[in-house]
Amino acid sequence: MARLSQFLLLQIIDTLWKEHLYAMDTLKEGIGLRGYGQKNPLTEYKKEAFDLFDDLFQRAKEDAIEYLFAARP
């Protein structure tokens, strides 16, 4: 069971990290438009990047628990 949980956690983190990097790239491309809305793009980037990172951890926790409870040893 320990090996299964390690394997599942690595797979989940790997998948979610790739999605996170893609989301960060998309955020980086579109953040410049915030300057037109009279907002500081750097501050907005930091806020949204933190929200994406926090979401990464929440999804990793939820997915890990879901898969571990569904796994059959």
PDB file of N, CA and C in Angstrom:
ATOM      1  N   MET A   1       0.825  -1.199   0.000  1.00  0.00           N
ATOM      2  CA  MET A   1       0.000   0.000   0.000  1.00  0.00           C
ATOM      3  C   MET A   1       0.868   1.262   0.000  1.00  0.00           C
ATOM      4  N   ALA A   2       2.002   1.192   0.678  1.00  0.00           N
ATOM      5  CA  ALA A   2       2.895   2.360   0.721  1.00  0.00           C
ATOM      6  C   ALA A   2       3.443   2.676  -0.675  1.00  0.00           C
ATOM      7  N   ARG A   3       3.808   1.631  -1.407  1.00  0.00           N
ATOM      8  CA  ARG A   3       4.320   1.857  -2.767  1.00  0.00           C
ATOM      9  C   ARG A   3       3.232   2.396  -3.681  1.00  0.00           C
ATOM     10  N   LEU A   4       2.032   1.887  -3.506  1.00  0.00           N
ATOM     11  CA  LEU A   4       0.911   2.363  -4.310  1.00  0.00           C
ATOM     12  C   LEU A   4       0.638   3.836  -4.026  1.00  0.00           C
ATOM     13  N   SER A   5       0.648   4.203  -2.753  1.00  0.00           N
ATOM     14  CA  SER A   5       0.388   5.608  -2.410  1.00  0.00           C
ATOM     15  C   SER A   5       1.495   6.516  -2.943  1.00  0.00           C
ATOM     16  N   GLN A   6       2.744   6.064  -2.879  1.00  0.00           N
ATOM     17  CA  GLN A   6       3.842   6.858  -3.425  1.00  0.00           C
ATOM     18  C   GLN A   6       3.687   7.035  -4.935  1.00  0.00           C
ATOM     19  N   PHE A   7       3.351   5.954  -5.614  1.00  0.00           N
ATOM     20  CA  PHE A   7       3.176   6.015  -7.062  1.00  0.00           C
ATOM     21  C   PHE A   7       2.036   6.955  -7.421  1.00  0.00           C
ATOM     22  N   LEU A   8       0.913   6.824  -6.738  1.00  0.00           N
ATOM     23  CA  LEU A   8      -0.237   7.674  -7.017  1.00  0.00           C
ATOM     24  C   LEU A   8       0.075   9.147  -6.762  1.00  0.00           C
ATOM     25  N   LEU A   9       0.732   9.429  -5.648  1.00  0.00           N
ATOM     26  CA  LEU A   9       1.063  10.820  -5.334  1.00  0.00           C
ATOM     27  C   LEU A   9       1.999  11.422  -6.373  1.00  0.00           C
ATOM     28  N   LEU A  10       2.978  10.654  -6.803  1.00  0.00           N
ATOM     29  CA  LEU A  10       3.891  11.172  -7.828  1.00  0.00           C
ATOM     30  C   LEU A  10       3.170  11.424  -9.141  1.00  0.00           C
ATOM     31  N   GLN A  11       2.275  10.532  -9.524  1.00  0.00           N
ATOM     32  CA  GLN A  11       1.522  10.717 -10.756  1.00  0.00           C
ATOM     33  C   GLN A  11       0.609  11.932 -10.672  1.00  0.00           C
ATOM     34  N   ILE A  12      -0.047  12.089  -9.539  1.00  0.00           N
ATOM     35  CA  ILE A  12      -0.963  13.222  -9.351  1.00  0.00           C
ATOM     36  C   ILE A  12      -0.193  14.534  -9.386  1.00  0.00           C
ATOM     37  N   ILE A  13       0.899  14.592  -8.651  1.00  0.00           N
ATOM     38  CA  ILE A  13       1.691  15.822  -8.602  1.00  0.00           C
ATOM     39  C   ILE A  13       2.277  16.142  -9.969  1.00  0.00           C
ATOM     40  N   ASP A  14       2.737  15.126 -10.670  1.00  0.00           N
ATOM     41  CA  ASP A  14       3.308  15.336 -12.001  1.00  0.00           C
ATOM     42  C   ASP A  14       2.267  15.911 -12.953  1.00  0.00           C
ATOM     43  N   THR A  15       1.094  15.325 -12.962  1.00  0.00           N
ATOM     44  CA  THR A  15       0.026  15.788 -13.850  1.00  0.00           C
ATOM     45  C   THR A  15      -0.415  17.201 -13.499  1.00  0.00           C
ATOM     46  N   LEU A  16      -0.639  17.435 -12.214  1.00  0.00           N
ATOM     47  CA  LEU A  16      -1.093  18.761 -11.800  1.00  0.00           C
ATOM     48  C   LEU A  16      -0.020  19.827 -12.005  1.00  0.00           C
ATOM     49  N   TRP A  17       1.251  19.458 -11.850  1.00  0.00           N
ATOM     50  CA  TRP A  17       2.330  20.430 -12.053  1.00  0.00           C
ATOM     51  C   TRP A  17       2.393  20.863 -13.516  1.00  0.00           C
ATOM     52  N   LYS A  18       2.198  19.914 -14.416  1.00  0.00           N
ATOM     53  CA  LYS A  18       2.192  20.260 -15.838  1.00  0.00           C
ATOM     54  C   LYS A  18       1.037  21.213 -16.149  1.00  0.00           C
ATOM     55  N   GLU A  19      -0.130  20.932 -15.581  1.00  0.00           N
ATOM     56  CA  GLU A  19      -1.273  21.821 -15.777  1.00  0.00           C
ATOM     57  C   GLU A  19      -1.007  23.198 -15.179  1.00  0.00           C
ATOM     58  N   HIS A  20      -0.346  23.218 -14.029  1.00  0.00           N
ATOM     59  CA  HIS A  20      -0.028  24.485 -13.360  1.00  0.00           C
ATOM     60  C   HIS A  20       0.921  25.319 -14.217  1.00  0.00           C
ATOM     61  N   LEU A  21       1.933  24.687 -14.781  1.00  0.00           N
ATOM     62  CA  LEU A  21       2.874  25.420 -15.626  1.00  0.00           C
ATOM     63  C   LEU A  21       2.182  25.974 -16.863  1.00  0.00           C
ATOM     64  N   TYR A  22       1.263  25.216 -17.434  1.00  0.00           N
ATOM     65  CA  TYR A  22       0.516  25.703 -18.584  1.00  0.00           C
ATOM     66  C   TYR A  22      -0.354  26.897 -18.180  1.00  0.00           C
ATOM     67  N   ALA A  23      -0.993  26.817 -17.011  1.00  0.00           N
ATOM     68  CA  ALA A  23      -1.832  27.921 -16.528  1.00  0.00           C
ATOM     69  C   ALA A  23      -0.986  29.163 -16.250  1.00  0.00           C
ATOM     70  N   MET A  24       0.211  28.973 -15.711  1.00  0.00           N
ATOM     71  CA  MET A  24       1.095  30.114 -15.451  1.00  0.00           C
ATOM     72  C   MET A  24       1.537  30.760 -16.759  1.00  0.00           C
ATOM     73  N   ASP A  25       1.789  29.956 -17.762  1.00  0.00           N
ATOM     74  CA  ASP A  25       2.173  30.490 -19.068  1.00  0.00           C
ATOM     75  C   ASP A  25       1.031  31.299 -19.672  1.00  0.00           C
ATOM     76  N   THR A  26      -0.177  30.791 -19.545  1.00  0.00           N
ATOM     77  CA  THR A  26      -1.344  31.511 -20.038  1.00  0.00           C
ATOM     78  C   THR A  26      -1.545  32.813 -19.270  1.00  0.00           C
ATOM     79  N   LEU A  27      -1.344  32.768 -17.970  1.00  0.00           N
ATOM     80  CA  LEU A  27      -1.464  33.967 -17.140  1.00  0.00           C
ATOM     81  C   LEU A  27      -0.431  35.009 -17.556  1.00  0.00           C
ATOM     82  N   LYS A  28       0.793  34.555 -17.808  1.00  0.00           N
ATOM     83  CA  LYS A  28       1.867  35.472 -18.195  1.00  0.00           C
ATOM     84  C   LYS A  28       1.547  36.176 -19.511  1.00  0.00           C
ATOM     85  N   GLU A  29       0.925  35.442 -20.432  1.00  0.00           N
ATOM     86  CA  GLU A  29       0.596  36.030 -21.731  1.00  0.00           C
ATOM     87  C   GLU A  29      -0.484  37.101 -21.621  1.00  0.00           C
ATOM     88  N   GLY A  30      -1.441  36.905 -20.721  1.00  0.00           N
ATOM     89  CA  GLY A  30      -2.576  37.819 -20.654  1.00  0.00           C
ATOM     90  C   GLY A  30      -2.498  38.885 -19.585  1.00  0.00           C
ATOM     91  N   ILE A  31      -1.462  38.874 -18.773  1.00  0.00           N
ATOM     92  CA  ILE A  31      -1.401  39.803 -17.637  1.00  0.00           C
ATOM     93  C   ILE A  31      -1.146  41.241 -18.080  1.00  0.00           C
ATOM     94  N   GLY A  32      -0.558  41.438 -19.226  1.00  0.00           N
ATOM     95  CA  GLY A  32      -0.259  42.789 -19.698  1.00  0.00           C
ATOM     96  C   GLY A  32      -1.501  43.617 -19.956  1.00  0.00           C
ATOM     97  N   LEU A  33      -2.610  42.954 -20.199  1.00  0.00           N
ATOM     98  CA  LEU A  33      -3.858  43.685 -20.455  1.00  0.00           C
ATOM     99  C   LEU A  33      -4.402  44.355 -19.195  1.00  0.00           C
ATOM    100  N   ARG A  34      -3.918  43.959 -18.048  1.00  0.00           N
ATOM    101  CA  ARG A  34      -4.395  44.559 -16.792  1.00  0.00           C
ATOM    102  C   ARG A  34      -3.977  46.014 -16.670  1.00  0.00           C
ATOM    103  N   GLY A  35      -2.906  46.372 -17.347  1.00  0.00           N
ATOM    104  CA  GLY A  35      -2.447  47.761 -17.325  1.00  0.00           C
ATOM    105  C   GLY A  35      -3.465  48.700 -17.938  1.00  0.00           C
ATOM    106  N   TYR A  36      -4.219  48.203 -18.902  1.00  0.00           N
ATOM    107  CA  TYR A  36      -5.263  49.027 -19.514  1.00  0.00           C
ATOM    108  C   TYR A  36      -6.411  49.281 -18.548  1.00  0.00           C
ATOM    109  N   GLY A  37      -6.578  48.394 -17.578  1.00  0.00           N
ATOM    110  CA  GLY A  37      -7.641  48.554 -16.584  1.00  0.00           C
ATOM    111  C   GLY A  37      -7.192  49.321 -15.363  1.00  0.00           C
ATOM    112  N   GLN A  38      -6.096  50.049 -15.473  1.00  0.00           N
ATOM    113  CA  GLN A  38      -5.557  50.873 -14.386  1.00  0.00           C
ATOM    114  C   GLN A  38      -5.179  50.042 -13.160  1.00  0.00           C
ATOM    115  N   LYS A  39      -4.695  48.818 -13.397  1.00  0.00           N
ATOM    116  CA  LYS A  39      -4.224  47.964 -12.312  1.00  0.00           C
ATOM    117  C   LYS A  39      -2.760  47.652 -12.559  1.00  0.00           C
ATOM    118  N   ASN A  40      -2.024  47.473 -11.486  1.00  0.00           N
ATOM    119  CA  ASN A  40      -0.605  47.153 -11.584  1.00  0.00           C
ATOM    120  C   ASN A  40      -0.466  45.691 -12.034  1.00  0.00           C
ATOM    121  N   PRO A  41       0.096  45.440 -13.214  1.00  0.00           N
ATOM    122  CA  PRO A  41       0.195  44.069 -13.709  1.00  0.00           C
ATOM    123  C   PRO A  41       1.013  43.149 -12.799  1.00  0.00           C
ATOM    124  N   LEU A  42       2.059  43.671 -12.176  1.00  0.00           N
ATOM    125  CA  LEU A  42       2.888  42.839 -11.304  1.00  0.00           C
ATOM    126  C   LEU A  42       2.105  42.374 -10.088  1.00  0.00           C
ATOM    127  N   THR A  43       1.355  43.279  -9.475  1.00  0.00           N
ATOM    128  CA  THR A  43       0.546  42.919  -8.310  1.00  0.00           C
ATOM    129  C   THR A  43      -0.535  41.916  -8.691  1.00  0.00           C
ATOM    130  N   GLU A  44      -1.168  42.136  -9.813  1.00  0.00           N
ATOM    131  CA  GLU A  44      -2.208  41.216 -10.279  1.00  0.00           C
ATOM    132  C   GLU A  44      -1.614  39.844 -10.600  1.00  0.00           C
ATOM    133  N   TYR A  45      -0.428  39.834 -11.185  1.00  0.00           N
ATOM    134  CA  TYR A  45       0.236  38.571 -11.503  1.00  0.00           C
ATOM    135  C   TYR A  45       0.545  37.794 -10.226  1.00  0.00           C
ATOM    136  N   LYS A  46       1.053  38.487  -9.218  1.00  0.00           N
ATOM    137  CA  LYS A  46       1.378  37.830  -7.951  1.00  0.00           C
ATOM    138  C   LYS A  46       0.132  37.237  -7.303  1.00  0.00           C
ATOM    139  N   LYS A  47      -0.963  37.997  -7.312  1.00  0.00           N
ATOM    140  CA  LYS A  47      -2.203  37.508  -6.700  1.00  0.00           C
ATOM    141  C   LYS A  47      -2.734  36.276  -7.425  1.00  0.00           C
ATOM    142  N   GLU A  48      -2.796  36.359  -8.729  1.00  0.00           N
ATOM    143  CA  GLU A  48      -3.351  35.253  -9.490  1.00  0.00           C
ATOM    144  C   GLU A  48      -2.427  34.035  -9.478  1.00  0.00           C
ATOM    145  N   ALA A  49      -1.122  34.268  -9.476  1.00  0.00           N
ATOM    146  CA  ALA A  49      -0.173  33.156  -9.406  1.00  0.00           C
ATOM    147  C   ALA A  49      -0.303  32.440  -8.065  1.00  0.00           C
ATOM    148  N   PHE A  50      -0.484  33.196  -6.995  1.00  0.00           N
ATOM    149  CA  PHE A  50      -0.668  32.573  -5.689  1.00  0.00           C
ATOM    150  C   PHE A  50      -1.960  31.777  -5.655  1.00  0.00           C
ATOM    151  N   ASP A  51      -3.018  32.303  -6.242  1.00  0.00           N
ATOM    152  CA  ASP A  51      -4.289  31.574  -6.293  1.00  0.00           C
ATOM    153  C   ASP A  51      -4.136  30.272  -7.083  1.00  0.00           C
ATOM    154  N   LEU A  52      -3.406  30.317  -8.181  1.00  0.00           N
ATOM    155  CA  LEU A  52      -3.177  29.106  -8.964  1.00  0.00           C
ATOM    156  C   LEU A  52      -2.358  28.081  -8.180  1.00  0.00           C
ATOM    157  N   PHE A  53      -1.357  28.547  -7.444  1.00  0.00           N
ATOM    158  CA  PHE A  53      -0.520  27.643  -6.653  1.00  0.00           C
ATOM    159  C   PHE A  53      -1.316  27.032  -5.509  1.00  0.00           C
ATOM    160  N   ASP A  54      -2.150  27.842  -4.873  1.00  0.00           N
ATOM    161  CA  ASP A  54      -3.000  27.334  -3.799  1.00  0.00           C
ATOM    162  C   ASP A  54      -3.984  26.301  -4.343  1.00  0.00           C
ATOM    163  N   ASP A  55      -4.526  26.564  -5.511  1.00  0.00           N
ATOM    164  CA  ASP A  55      -5.427  25.619  -6.156  1.00  0.00           C
ATOM    165  C   ASP A  55      -4.702  24.311  -6.482  1.00  0.00           C
ATOM    166  N   LEU A  56      -3.444  24.406  -6.874  1.00  0.00           N
ATOM    167  CA  LEU A  56      -2.640  23.216  -7.147  1.00  0.00           C
ATOM    168  C   LEU A  56      -2.576  22.314  -5.925  1.00  0.00           C
ATOM    169  N   PHE A  57      -2.295  22.888  -4.763  1.00  0.00           N
ATOM    170  CA  PHE A  57      -2.207  22.099  -3.543  1.00  0.00           C
ATOM    171  C   PHE A  57      -3.558  21.505  -3.148  1.00  0.00           C
ATOM    172  N   GLN A  58      -4.611  22.288  -3.278  1.00  0.00           N
ATOM    173  CA  GLN A  58      -5.943  21.780  -2.921  1.00  0.00           C
ATOM    174  C   GLN A  58      -6.337  20.618  -3.820  1.00  0.00           C
ATOM    175  N   ARG A  59      -6.102  20.760  -5.109  1.00  0.00           N
ATOM    176  CA  ARG A  59      -6.447  19.685  -6.044  1.00  0.00           C
ATOM    177  C   ARG A  59      -5.585  18.455  -5.804  1.00  0.00           C
ATOM    178  N   ALA A  60      -4.317  18.644  -5.457  1.00  0.00           N
ATOM    179  CA  ALA A  60      -3.441  17.501  -5.183  1.00  0.00           C
ATOM    180  C   ALA A  60      -3.948  16.736  -3.964  1.00  0.00           C
ATOM    181  N   LYS A  61      -4.331  17.455  -2.932  1.00  0.00           N
ATOM    182  CA  LYS A  61      -4.865  16.802  -1.733  1.00  0.00           C
ATOM    183  C   LYS A  61      -6.151  16.040  -2.046  1.00  0.00           C
ATOM    184  N   GLU A  62      -7.052  16.694  -2.740  1.00  0.00           N
ATOM    185  CA  GLU A  62      -8.336  16.063  -3.055  1.00  0.00           C
ATOM    186  C   GLU A  62      -8.147  14.843  -3.950  1.00  0.00           C
ATOM    187  N   ASP A  63      -7.336  14.973  -4.979  1.00  0.00           N
ATOM    188  CA  ASP A  63      -7.122  13.850  -5.886  1.00  0.00           C
ATOM    189  C   ASP A  63      -6.429  12.690  -5.181  1.00  0.00           C
ATOM    190  N   ALA A  64      -5.455  12.989  -4.341  1.00  0.00           N
ATOM    191  CA  ALA A  64      -4.739  11.930  -3.627  1.00  0.00           C
ATOM    192  C   ALA A  64      -5.689  11.153  -2.724  1.00  0.00           C
ATOM    193  N   ILE A  65      -6.514  11.862  -1.991  1.00  0.00           N
ATOM    194  CA  ILE A  65      -7.460  11.193  -1.097  1.00  0.00           C
ATOM    195  C   ILE A  65      -8.460  10.374  -1.901  1.00  0.00           C
ATOM    196  N   GLU A  66      -8.947  10.952  -2.986  1.00  0.00           N
ATOM    197  CA  GLU A  66      -9.919  10.249  -3.822  1.00  0.00           C
ATOM    198  C   GLU A  66      -9.333   8.952  -4.378  1.00  0.00           C
ATOM    199  N   TYR A  67      -8.124   9.017  -4.936  1.00  0.00           N
ATOM    200  CA  TYR A  67      -7.523   7.834  -5.528  1.00  0.00           C
ATOM    201  C   TYR A  67      -7.109   6.810  -4.484  1.00  0.00           C
ATOM    202  N   LEU A  68      -6.631   7.271  -3.331  1.00  0.00           N
ATOM    203  CA  LEU A  68      -6.213   6.322  -2.309  1.00  0.00           C
ATOM    204  C   LEU A  68      -7.404   5.570  -1.719  1.00  0.00           C
ATOM    205  N   PHE A  69      -8.522   6.233  -1.567  1.00  0.00           N
ATOM    206  CA  PHE A  69      -9.703   5.536  -1.049  1.00  0.00           C
ATOM    207  C   PHE A  69     -10.319   4.615  -2.097  1.00  0.00           C
ATOM    208  N   ALA A  70     -10.116   4.910  -3.363  1.00  0.00           N
ATOM    209  CA  ALA A  70     -10.673   4.079  -4.426  1.00  0.00           C
ATOM    210  C   ALA A  70      -9.757   2.906  -4.768  1.00  0.00           C
ATOM    211  N   ALA A  71      -8.496   2.957  -4.343  1.00  0.00           N
ATOM    212  CA  ALA A  71      -7.530   1.909  -4.688  1.00  0.00           C
ATOM    213  C   ALA A  71      -7.834   0.619  -3.927  1.00  0.00           C
ATOM    214  N   ARG A  72      -7.616  -0.457  -4.596  1.00  0.00           N
ATOM    215  CA  ARG A  72      -7.782  -1.786  -4.001  1.00  0.00           C
ATOM    216  C   ARG A  72      -6.408  -2.442  -3.928  1.00  0.00           C
ATOM    217  N   PRO A  73      -5.932  -2.742  -2.721  1.00  0.00           N
ATOM    218  CA  PRO A  73      -4.600  -3.367  -2.595  1.00  0.00           C
ATOM    219  C   PRO A  73      -4.585  -4.805  -3.102  1.00  0.00           C
TER     220      PRO A  73
END
